[in-house]
Amino acid sequence: MTLSRKEFLMSLGGAAVGVPLGVVGQRWRYREPPPPEPVPPPPEHGVRSYSQGGEDVIVNCCFDLLGIKDITYLDIGAYDPIVINNTYFFYLKGARGVLVEPNVAMCEKLRAVRPEDKTLTAGIGVTAVREADYYIMSEPSWNTFSKEEAEHMEKSTNGKITIQKVIKMPLLNINDVMAEHFQKAPTFVSIDAEGLHFDILKAIDYQRFRPKVICIETMVSGTNKTIPEIPKFMAEKDYVARGGSLVNTIFVDSKLL
């Protein structure tokens, strides 16, 4: 039986495996398949926090979820411009605001590091008095206008934190600050005023000024206990807790939810 050339090659299986006719009998060179297209890295999800317990990132998440873009802030008790600061995150994003800090040395640092913010060297008062005793503690971040708080710090730390001296410092009304520097409520208010957090919170005129988000220290200094009156008061003002840390609680205006 005589086979044609084509039949002979097919009997060898060349065509069956896809070898072009005419190459059987030649050395077959294996070729590596082309490399796969590179897979792009996933987008970065994590962001750096400058707050004590990630409060700035939580507040930023609230703004994102609520679609709030135009951000301003009032930072009461700003202290350091970067470290354990609730508003530096937003400063880096281009937001601007007012920093209130009675520590003169820290005000100089605030102005140097954050020149586009307005820094006020004063405390926030809760009465008509416009000057008060300011207790300088051995740990400056615990300076306070409250004599009771200063003495509580000494006692709760067994004398590790002590009163160094007492000086007079000016006080500002929180509503006057908002009216003068914002003409309306700032988007975000952060309150860290040793021993006077709740009093300052109660001093806000919520009929005139309703910050969208408020972050306030709710932990009793020197302990792990919280101040239960603060969440109750905020609920009365139609704010709800939507995050926070062991130290601070973040409240959002319920009208936005």
C-alpha atoms as a PDB file:
ATOM      1  CA  MET A   1       0.000   0.000   0.000  1.00  0.00           C
ATOM      2  CA  THR A   2       1.441   3.302  -1.050  1.00  0.00           C
ATOM      3  CA  LEU A   3       0.961   6.326   1.320  1.00  0.00           C
ATOM      4  CA  SER A   4       0.917   9.857   0.151  1.00  0.00           C
ATOM      5  CA  ARG A   5       3.300  12.329   1.794  1.00  0.00           C
ATOM      6  CA  LYS A   6       0.437  13.936   3.686  1.00  0.00           C
ATOM      7  CA  GLU A   7      -0.837  10.579   4.924  1.00  0.00           C
ATOM      8  CA  PHE A   8       2.656   9.623   6.027  1.00  0.00           C
ATOM      9  CA  LEU A   9       3.113  12.797   8.047  1.00  0.00           C
ATOM     10  CA  MET A  10      -0.308  12.440   9.620  1.00  0.00           C
ATOM     11  CA  SER A  11       0.528   8.895  10.614  1.00  0.00           C
ATOM     12  CA  LEU A  12       3.438  10.329  12.610  1.00  0.00           C
ATOM     13  CA  GLY A  13       1.021  12.497  14.588  1.00  0.00           C
ATOM     14  CA  GLY A  14       2.602  15.803  13.571  1.00  0.00           C
ATOM     15  CA  ALA A  15      -0.562  17.380  12.293  1.00  0.00           C
ATOM     16  CA  ALA A  16      -2.481  16.059  15.265  1.00  0.00           C
ATOM     17  CA  VAL A  17      -0.328  18.028  17.663  1.00  0.00           C
ATOM     18  CA  GLY A  18      -0.326  21.140  15.573  1.00  0.00           C
ATOM     19  CA  VAL A  19       3.126  20.810  13.996  1.00  0.00           C
ATOM     20  CA  PRO A  20       3.112  22.547  10.619  1.00  0.00           C
ATOM     21  CA  LEU A  21       3.512  20.247   7.642  1.00  0.00           C
ATOM     22  CA  GLY A  22       7.063  20.220   6.370  1.00  0.00           C
ATOM     23  CA  VAL A  23       8.762  20.580   9.754  1.00  0.00           C
ATOM     24  CA  VAL A  24       8.592  16.936  10.799  1.00  0.00           C
ATOM     25  CA  GLY A  25      12.095  15.594  10.830  1.00  0.00           C
ATOM     26  CA  GLN A  26      13.524  18.977  11.851  1.00  0.00           C
ATOM     27  CA  ARG A  27      14.597  19.715  15.444  1.00  0.00           C
ATOM     28  CA  TRP A  28      11.543  21.113  17.266  1.00  0.00           C
ATOM     29  CA  ARG A  29      12.366  24.094  19.504  1.00  0.00           C
ATOM     30  CA  TYR A  30      10.210  24.645  22.547  1.00  0.00           C
ATOM     31  CA  ARG A  31       9.321  28.279  23.042  1.00  0.00           C
ATOM     32  CA  GLU A  32       8.457  29.709  26.451  1.00  0.00           C
ATOM     33  CA  PRO A  33       4.959  31.183  26.564  1.00  0.00           C
ATOM     34  CA  PRO A  34       4.881  34.972  26.924  1.00  0.00           C
ATOM     35  CA  PRO A  35       4.966  36.175  30.545  1.00  0.00           C
ATOM     36  CA  PRO A  36       1.613  37.112  32.044  1.00  0.00           C
ATOM     37  CA  GLU A  37       0.671  40.733  32.249  1.00  0.00           C
ATOM     38  CA  PRO A  38       1.892  42.213  35.560  1.00  0.00           C
ATOM     39  CA  VAL A  39      -0.830  42.503  38.188  1.00  0.00           C
ATOM     40  CA  PRO A  40      -1.009  46.079  39.531  1.00  0.00           C
ATOM     41  CA  PRO A  41      -0.608  46.376  43.307  1.00  0.00           C
ATOM     42  CA  PRO A  42      -3.795  46.961  45.273  1.00  0.00           C
ATOM     43  CA  PRO A  43      -4.508  50.597  46.143  1.00  0.00           C
ATOM     44  CA  GLU A  44      -3.243  51.746  49.517  1.00  0.00           C
ATOM     45  CA  HIS A  45      -6.030  51.629  52.068  1.00  0.00           C
ATOM     46  CA  GLY A  46      -4.246  52.507  55.274  1.00  0.00           C
ATOM     47  CA  VAL A  47      -3.632  56.105  56.276  1.00  0.00           C
ATOM     48  CA  ARG A  48      -1.468  57.601  58.993  1.00  0.00           C
ATOM     49  CA  SER A  49      -3.159  58.896  62.120  1.00  0.00           C
ATOM     50  CA  TYR A  50      -1.796  61.698  64.309  1.00  0.00           C
ATOM     51  CA  SER A  51      -4.424  61.410  67.044  1.00  0.00           C
ATOM     52  CA  GLN A  52      -4.034  59.562  70.314  1.00  0.00           C
ATOM     53  CA  GLY A  53      -6.222  56.643  69.265  1.00  0.00           C
ATOM     54  CA  GLY A  54      -6.974  57.088  65.563  1.00  0.00           C
ATOM     55  CA  GLU A  55      -9.760  59.600  66.138  1.00  0.00           C
ATOM     56  CA  ASP A  56      -8.768  61.749  63.144  1.00  0.00           C
ATOM     57  CA  VAL A  57      -9.085  58.762  60.782  1.00  0.00           C
ATOM     58  CA  ILE A  58     -12.537  57.932  62.190  1.00  0.00           C
ATOM     59  CA  VAL A  59     -13.665  61.543  61.774  1.00  0.00           C
ATOM     60  CA  ASN A  60     -12.332  61.543  58.219  1.00  0.00           C
ATOM     61  CA  CYS A  61     -14.293  58.344  57.524  1.00  0.00           C
ATOM     62  CA  CYS A  62     -17.436  60.074  58.800  1.00  0.00           C
ATOM     63  CA  PHE A  63     -16.835  62.975  56.431  1.00  0.00           C
ATOM     64  CA  ASP A  64     -16.272  60.616  53.498  1.00  0.00           C
ATOM     65  CA  LEU A  65     -19.389  58.555  54.176  1.00  0.00           C
ATOM     66  CA  LEU A  66     -21.516  61.674  54.656  1.00  0.00           C
ATOM     67  CA  GLY A  67     -20.091  63.356  51.561  1.00  0.00           C
ATOM     68  CA  ILE A  68     -18.679  66.313  53.495  1.00  0.00           C
ATOM     69  CA  LYS A  69     -15.926  67.987  51.472  1.00  0.00           C
ATOM     70  CA  ASP A  70     -15.533  71.538  52.788  1.00  0.00           C
ATOM     71  CA  ILE A  71     -13.824  70.978  56.146  1.00  0.00           C
ATOM     72  CA  THR A  72     -12.933  73.576  58.768  1.00  0.00           C
ATOM     73  CA  TYR A  73     -11.981  72.911  62.369  1.00  0.00           C
ATOM     74  CA  LEU A  74     -11.803  74.443  65.815  1.00  0.00           C
ATOM     75  CA  ASP A  75      -9.172  72.701  67.940  1.00  0.00           C
ATOM     76  CA  ILE A  76      -9.571  73.577  71.627  1.00  0.00           C
ATOM     77  CA  GLY A  77      -6.502  72.555  73.572  1.00  0.00           C
ATOM     78  CA  ALA A  78      -4.466  71.888  70.436  1.00  0.00           C
ATOM     79  CA  TYR A  79      -1.133  71.700  72.323  1.00  0.00           C
ATOM     80  CA  ASP A  80       1.307  70.032  69.879  1.00  0.00           C
ATOM     81  CA  PRO A  81       0.785  70.815  66.174  1.00  0.00           C
ATOM     82  CA  ILE A  82       1.363  67.202  65.112  1.00  0.00           C
ATOM     83  CA  VAL A  83       1.733  64.681  67.923  1.00  0.00           C
ATOM     84  CA  ILE A  84      -1.537  63.436  69.485  1.00  0.00           C
ATOM     85  CA  ASN A  85      -3.373  66.117  67.544  1.00  0.00           C
ATOM     86  CA  ASN A  86      -6.879  65.624  66.134  1.00  0.00           C
ATOM     87  CA  THR A  87      -6.675  68.212  63.346  1.00  0.00           C
ATOM     88  CA  TYR A  88      -3.203  67.877  61.786  1.00  0.00           C
ATOM     89  CA  PHE A  89      -4.524  65.086  59.528  1.00  0.00           C
ATOM     90  CA  PHE A  90      -6.937  67.581  57.989  1.00  0.00           C
ATOM     91  CA  TYR A  91      -4.332  70.333  57.786  1.00  0.00           C
ATOM     92  CA  LEU A  92      -2.251  68.025  55.567  1.00  0.00           C
ATOM     93  CA  LYS A  93      -5.320  67.512  53.360  1.00  0.00           C
ATOM     94  CA  GLY A  94      -5.642  71.268  52.842  1.00  0.00           C
ATOM     95  CA  ALA A  95      -8.276  72.093  55.463  1.00  0.00           C
ATOM     96  CA  ARG A  96      -7.741  75.117  57.719  1.00  0.00           C
ATOM     97  CA  GLY A  97      -9.048  76.245  61.067  1.00  0.00           C
ATOM     98  CA  VAL A  98      -8.457  77.826  64.463  1.00  0.00           C
ATOM     99  CA  LEU A  99      -6.216  76.420  67.193  1.00  0.00           C
ATOM    100  CA  VAL A 100      -6.852  77.511  70.789  1.00  0.00           C
ATOM    101  CA  GLU A 101      -3.996  76.872  73.221  1.00  0.00           C
ATOM    102  CA  PRO A 102      -3.063  78.704  76.457  1.00  0.00           C
ATOM    103  CA  ASN A 103       0.496  77.318  76.606  1.00  0.00           C
ATOM    104  CA  VAL A 104       2.623  80.158  75.206  1.00  0.00           C
ATOM    105  CA  ALA A 105       5.557  77.950  74.185  1.00  0.00           C
ATOM    106  CA  MET A 106       3.295  75.522  72.351  1.00  0.00           C
ATOM    107  CA  CYS A 107       1.571  78.402  70.568  1.00  0.00           C
ATOM    108  CA  GLU A 108       4.916  79.416  69.098  1.00  0.00           C
ATOM    109  CA  LYS A 109       5.362  75.853  67.850  1.00  0.00           C
ATOM    110  CA  LEU A 110       1.834  75.740  66.463  1.00  0.00           C
ATOM    111  CA  ARG A 111       2.392  78.935  64.476  1.00  0.00           C
ATOM    112  CA  ALA A 112       5.736  77.690  63.159  1.00  0.00           C
ATOM    113  CA  VAL A 113       4.477  74.288  62.012  1.00  0.00           C
ATOM    114  CA  ARG A 114       0.970  75.291  60.928  1.00  0.00           C
ATOM    115  CA  PRO A 115       1.251  78.893  59.714  1.00  0.00           C
ATOM    116  CA  GLU A 116      -1.941  78.729  57.664  1.00  0.00           C
ATOM    117  CA  ASP A 117      -4.052  78.041  60.757  1.00  0.00           C
ATOM    118  CA  LYS A 118      -5.064  80.803  63.176  1.00  0.00           C
ATOM    119  CA  THR A 119      -3.563  80.215  66.633  1.00  0.00           C
ATOM    120  CA  LEU A 120      -5.125  81.919  69.664  1.00  0.00           C
ATOM    121  CA  THR A 121      -3.074  82.064  72.869  1.00  0.00           C
ATOM    122  CA  ALA A 122      -5.901  81.692  75.350  1.00  0.00           C
ATOM    123  CA  GLY A 123      -8.264  79.287  76.989  1.00  0.00           C
ATOM    124  CA  ILE A 124     -11.987  78.826  76.433  1.00  0.00           C
ATOM    125  CA  GLY A 125     -14.083  80.240  79.256  1.00  0.00           C
ATOM    126  CA  VAL A 126     -17.421  78.933  80.444  1.00  0.00           C
ATOM    127  CA  THR A 127     -18.571  82.099  82.241  1.00  0.00           C
ATOM    128  CA  ALA A 128     -18.411  85.832  81.584  1.00  0.00           C
ATOM    129  CA  VAL A 129     -14.973  85.977  83.239  1.00  0.00           C
ATOM    130  CA  ARG A 130     -12.258  86.771  80.691  1.00  0.00           C
ATOM    131  CA  GLU A 131      -9.185  85.827  82.724  1.00  0.00           C
ATOM    132  CA  ALA A 132      -8.428  82.908  85.023  1.00  0.00           C
ATOM    133  CA  ASP A 133      -5.708  81.064  86.916  1.00  0.00           C
ATOM    134  CA  TYR A 134      -3.791  78.689  84.670  1.00  0.00           C
ATOM    135  CA  TYR A 135      -2.101  75.796  86.483  1.00  0.00           C
ATOM    136  CA  ILE A 136       1.296  74.895  85.052  1.00  0.00           C
ATOM    137  CA  MET A 137       1.915  71.204  85.716  1.00  0.00           C
ATOM    138  CA  SER A 138       5.185  69.261  85.763  1.00  0.00           C
ATOM    139  CA  GLU A 139       3.812  67.540  82.645  1.00  0.00           C
ATOM    140  CA  PRO A 140       2.864  70.509  80.397  1.00  0.00           C
ATOM    141  CA  SER A 141       0.290  68.568  78.387  1.00  0.00           C
ATOM    142  CA  TRP A 142      -1.772  68.402  81.595  1.00  0.00           C
ATOM    143  CA  ASN A 143      -1.848  72.171  82.222  1.00  0.00           C
ATOM    144  CA  THR A 144      -5.339  73.243  83.196  1.00  0.00           C
ATOM    145  CA  PHE A 145      -7.597  76.142  84.208  1.00  0.00           C
ATOM    146  CA  SER A 146      -9.276  73.911  86.772  1.00  0.00           C
ATOM    147  CA  LYS A 147      -7.884  73.910  90.307  1.00  0.00           C
ATOM    148  CA  GLU A 148      -9.841  70.745  91.059  1.00  0.00           C
ATOM    149  CA  GLU A 149      -8.369  69.006  88.017  1.00  0.00           C
ATOM    150  CA  ALA A 150      -4.828  70.057  88.917  1.00  0.00           C
ATOM    151  CA  GLU A 151      -5.213  68.719  92.451  1.00  0.00           C
ATOM    152  CA  HIS A 152      -6.861  65.552  91.112  1.00  0.00           C
ATOM    153  CA  MET A 153      -3.868  64.949  88.833  1.00  0.00           C
ATOM    154  CA  GLU A 154      -1.464  65.256  91.745  1.00  0.00           C
ATOM    155  CA  LYS A 155      -3.503  62.794  93.780  1.00  0.00           C
ATOM    156  CA  SER A 156      -4.266  60.264  91.017  1.00  0.00           C
ATOM    157  CA  THR A 157      -0.585  60.071  89.982  1.00  0.00           C
ATOM    158  CA  ASN A 158       0.688  59.837  93.579  1.00  0.00           C
ATOM    159  CA  GLY A 159       2.663  63.026  93.155  1.00  0.00           C
ATOM    160  CA  LYS A 160       4.317  62.098  89.852  1.00  0.00           C
ATOM    161  CA  ILE A 161       2.499  65.051  88.286  1.00  0.00           C
ATOM    162  CA  THR A 162       2.607  68.229  90.378  1.00  0.00           C
ATOM    163  CA  ILE A 163       1.584  71.883  90.185  1.00  0.00           C
ATOM    164  CA  GLN A 164       4.648  73.965  89.304  1.00  0.00           C
ATOM    165  CA  LYS A 165       3.100  77.440  89.318  1.00  0.00           C
ATOM    166  CA  VAL A 166      -0.093  79.373  88.638  1.00  0.00           C
ATOM    167  CA  ILE A 167      -0.335  82.258  86.162  1.00  0.00           C
ATOM    168  CA  LYS A 168      -3.130  84.399  84.733  1.00  0.00           C
ATOM    169  CA  MET A 169      -4.260  83.703  81.152  1.00  0.00           C
ATOM    170  CA  PRO A 170      -7.039  85.200  78.998  1.00  0.00           C
ATOM    171  CA  LEU A 171     -10.268  83.324  78.303  1.00  0.00           C
ATOM    172  CA  LEU A 172     -12.412  83.419  75.156  1.00  0.00           C
ATOM    173  CA  ASN A 173     -16.063  82.563  74.667  1.00  0.00           C
ATOM    174  CA  ILE A 174     -16.418  79.611  72.285  1.00  0.00           C
ATOM    175  CA  ASN A 175     -19.415  81.140  70.500  1.00  0.00           C
ATOM    176  CA  ASP A 176     -17.534  84.411  69.980  1.00  0.00           C
ATOM    177  CA  VAL A 177     -14.624  82.465  68.478  1.00  0.00           C
ATOM    178  CA  MET A 178     -16.916  80.678  66.023  1.00  0.00           C
ATOM    179  CA  ALA A 179     -18.724  83.876  65.111  1.00  0.00           C
ATOM    180  CA  GLU A 180     -15.530  85.861  64.550  1.00  0.00           C
ATOM    181  CA  HIS A 181     -13.377  83.293  62.774  1.00  0.00           C
ATOM    182  CA  PHE A 182     -15.936  81.103  60.960  1.00  0.00           C
ATOM    183  CA  GLN A 183     -19.149  83.179  60.782  1.00  0.00           C
ATOM    184  CA  LYS A 184     -20.862  79.818  61.283  1.00  0.00           C
ATOM    185  CA  ALA A 185     -20.123  76.521  62.970  1.00  0.00           C
ATOM    186  CA  PRO A 186     -16.844  74.872  61.962  1.00  0.00           C
ATOM    187  CA  THR A 187     -17.262  71.445  60.404  1.00  0.00           C
ATOM    188  CA  PHE A 188     -15.270  69.758  63.155  1.00  0.00           C
ATOM    189  CA  VAL A 189     -14.704  70.695  66.794  1.00  0.00           C
ATOM    190  CA  SER A 190     -12.087  68.931  68.926  1.00  0.00           C
ATOM    191  CA  ILE A 191     -12.154  69.567  72.687  1.00  0.00           C
ATOM    192  CA  ASP A 192      -9.263  68.598  74.947  1.00  0.00           C
ATOM    193  CA  ALA A 193      -9.296  70.993  77.902  1.00  0.00           C
ATOM    194  CA  GLU A 194      -8.195  69.223  81.046  1.00  0.00           C
ATOM    195  CA  GLY A 195     -11.113  69.090  83.469  1.00  0.00           C
ATOM    196  CA  LEU A 196     -13.297  71.510  81.507  1.00  0.00           C
ATOM    197  CA  HIS A 197     -14.376  69.364  78.547  1.00  0.00           C
ATOM    198  CA  PHE A 198     -17.989  69.049  79.588  1.00  0.00           C
ATOM    199  CA  ASP A 199     -18.352  72.696  80.634  1.00  0.00           C
ATOM    200  CA  ILE A 200     -17.042  73.877  77.256  1.00  0.00           C
ATOM    201  CA  LEU A 201     -19.356  71.474  75.451  1.00  0.00           C
ATOM    202  CA  LYS A 202     -22.340  72.863  77.344  1.00  0.00           C
ATOM    203  CA  ALA A 203     -21.270  76.452  76.567  1.00  0.00           C
ATOM    204  CA  ILE A 204     -21.878  76.019  72.809  1.00  0.00           C
ATOM    205  CA  ASP A 205     -25.008  77.750  71.530  1.00  0.00           C
ATOM    206  CA  TYR A 206     -26.409  74.845  69.482  1.00  0.00           C
ATOM    207  CA  GLN A 207     -29.185  77.028  68.066  1.00  0.00           C
ATOM    208  CA  ARG A 208     -26.589  79.211  66.342  1.00  0.00           C
ATOM    209  CA  PHE A 209     -23.731  76.764  65.848  1.00  0.00           C
ATOM    210  CA  ARG A 210     -24.022  73.058  65.037  1.00  0.00           C
ATOM    211  CA  PRO A 211     -20.657  71.505  64.183  1.00  0.00           C
ATOM    212  CA  LYS A 212     -21.171  68.425  62.046  1.00  0.00           C
ATOM    213  CA  VAL A 213     -18.737  66.364  64.126  1.00  0.00           C
ATOM    214  CA  ILE A 214     -17.446  66.856  67.668  1.00  0.00           C
ATOM    215  CA  CYS A 215     -14.618  64.880  69.251  1.00  0.00           C
ATOM    216  CA  ILE A 216     -14.339  65.260  73.007  1.00  0.00           C
ATOM    217  CA  GLU A 217     -12.378  63.566  75.754  1.00  0.00           C
ATOM    218  CA  THR A 218     -14.842  61.485  77.748  1.00  0.00           C
ATOM    219  CA  MET A 219     -12.357  59.695  80.006  1.00  0.00           C
ATOM    220  CA  VAL A 220     -11.766  60.912  83.550  1.00  0.00           C
ATOM    221  CA  SER A 221      -8.074  61.854  83.668  1.00  0.00           C
ATOM    222  CA  GLY A 222      -5.877  59.477  85.622  1.00  0.00           C
ATOM    223  CA  THR A 223      -8.483  56.685  85.376  1.00  0.00           C
ATOM    224  CA  ASN A 224     -10.122  54.395  82.815  1.00  0.00           C
ATOM    225  CA  LYS A 225     -13.594  55.633  83.734  1.00  0.00           C
ATOM    226  CA  THR A 226     -15.771  57.727  81.441  1.00  0.00           C
ATOM    227  CA  ILE A 227     -17.954  60.772  82.039  1.00  0.00           C
ATOM    228  CA  PRO A 228     -21.502  59.424  81.521  1.00  0.00           C
ATOM    229  CA  GLU A 229     -23.068  62.881  81.492  1.00  0.00           C
ATOM    230  CA  ILE A 230     -21.436  63.767  78.164  1.00  0.00           C
ATOM    231  CA  PRO A 231     -23.216  61.168  75.953  1.00  0.00           C
ATOM    232  CA  LYS A 232     -26.500  61.970  77.696  1.00  0.00           C
ATOM    233  CA  PHE A 233     -26.078  65.695  77.054  1.00  0.00           C
ATOM    234  CA  MET A 234     -25.113  65.134  73.427  1.00  0.00           C
ATOM    235  CA  ALA A 235     -28.180  62.963  72.887  1.00  0.00           C
ATOM    236  CA  GLU A 236     -30.310  65.833  74.203  1.00  0.00           C
ATOM    237  CA  LYS A 237     -28.688  68.060  71.573  1.00  0.00           C
ATOM    238  CA  ASP A 238     -29.436  65.487  68.821  1.00  0.00           C
ATOM    239  CA  TYR A 239     -25.906  64.201  68.424  1.00  0.00           C
ATOM    240  CA  VAL A 240     -25.091  60.492  68.319  1.00  0.00           C
ATOM    241  CA  ALA A 241     -21.855  58.671  69.144  1.00  0.00           C
ATOM    242  CA  ARG A 242     -20.320  57.177  65.992  1.00  0.00           C
ATOM    243  CA  GLY A 243     -16.871  56.095  67.085  1.00  0.00           C
ATOM    244  CA  GLY A 244     -13.948  56.992  69.269  1.00  0.00           C
ATOM    245  CA  SER A 245     -11.293  55.435  71.467  1.00  0.00           C
ATOM    246  CA  LEU A 246     -10.690  54.613  75.108  1.00  0.00           C
ATOM    247  CA  VAL A 247     -10.088  58.323  75.710  1.00  0.00           C
ATOM    248  CA  ASN A 248     -12.305  60.234  73.265  1.00  0.00           C
ATOM    249  CA  THR A 249     -15.791  59.917  71.815  1.00  0.00           C
ATOM    250  CA  ILE A 250     -16.850  61.194  68.387  1.00  0.00           C
ATOM    251  CA  PHE A 251     -20.361  62.610  68.046  1.00  0.00           C
ATOM    252  CA  VAL A 252     -22.154  63.298  64.742  1.00  0.00           C
ATOM    253  CA  ASP A 253     -25.101  65.643  64.242  1.00  0.00           C
ATOM    254  CA  SER A 254     -28.066  63.270  63.885  1.00  0.00           C
ATOM    255  CA  LYS A 255     -29.606  65.564  61.247  1.00  0.00           C
ATOM    256  CA  LEU A 256     -26.888  64.398  58.862  1.00  0.00           C
ATOM    257  CA  LEU A 257     -27.682  60.708  59.307  1.00  0.00           C
END
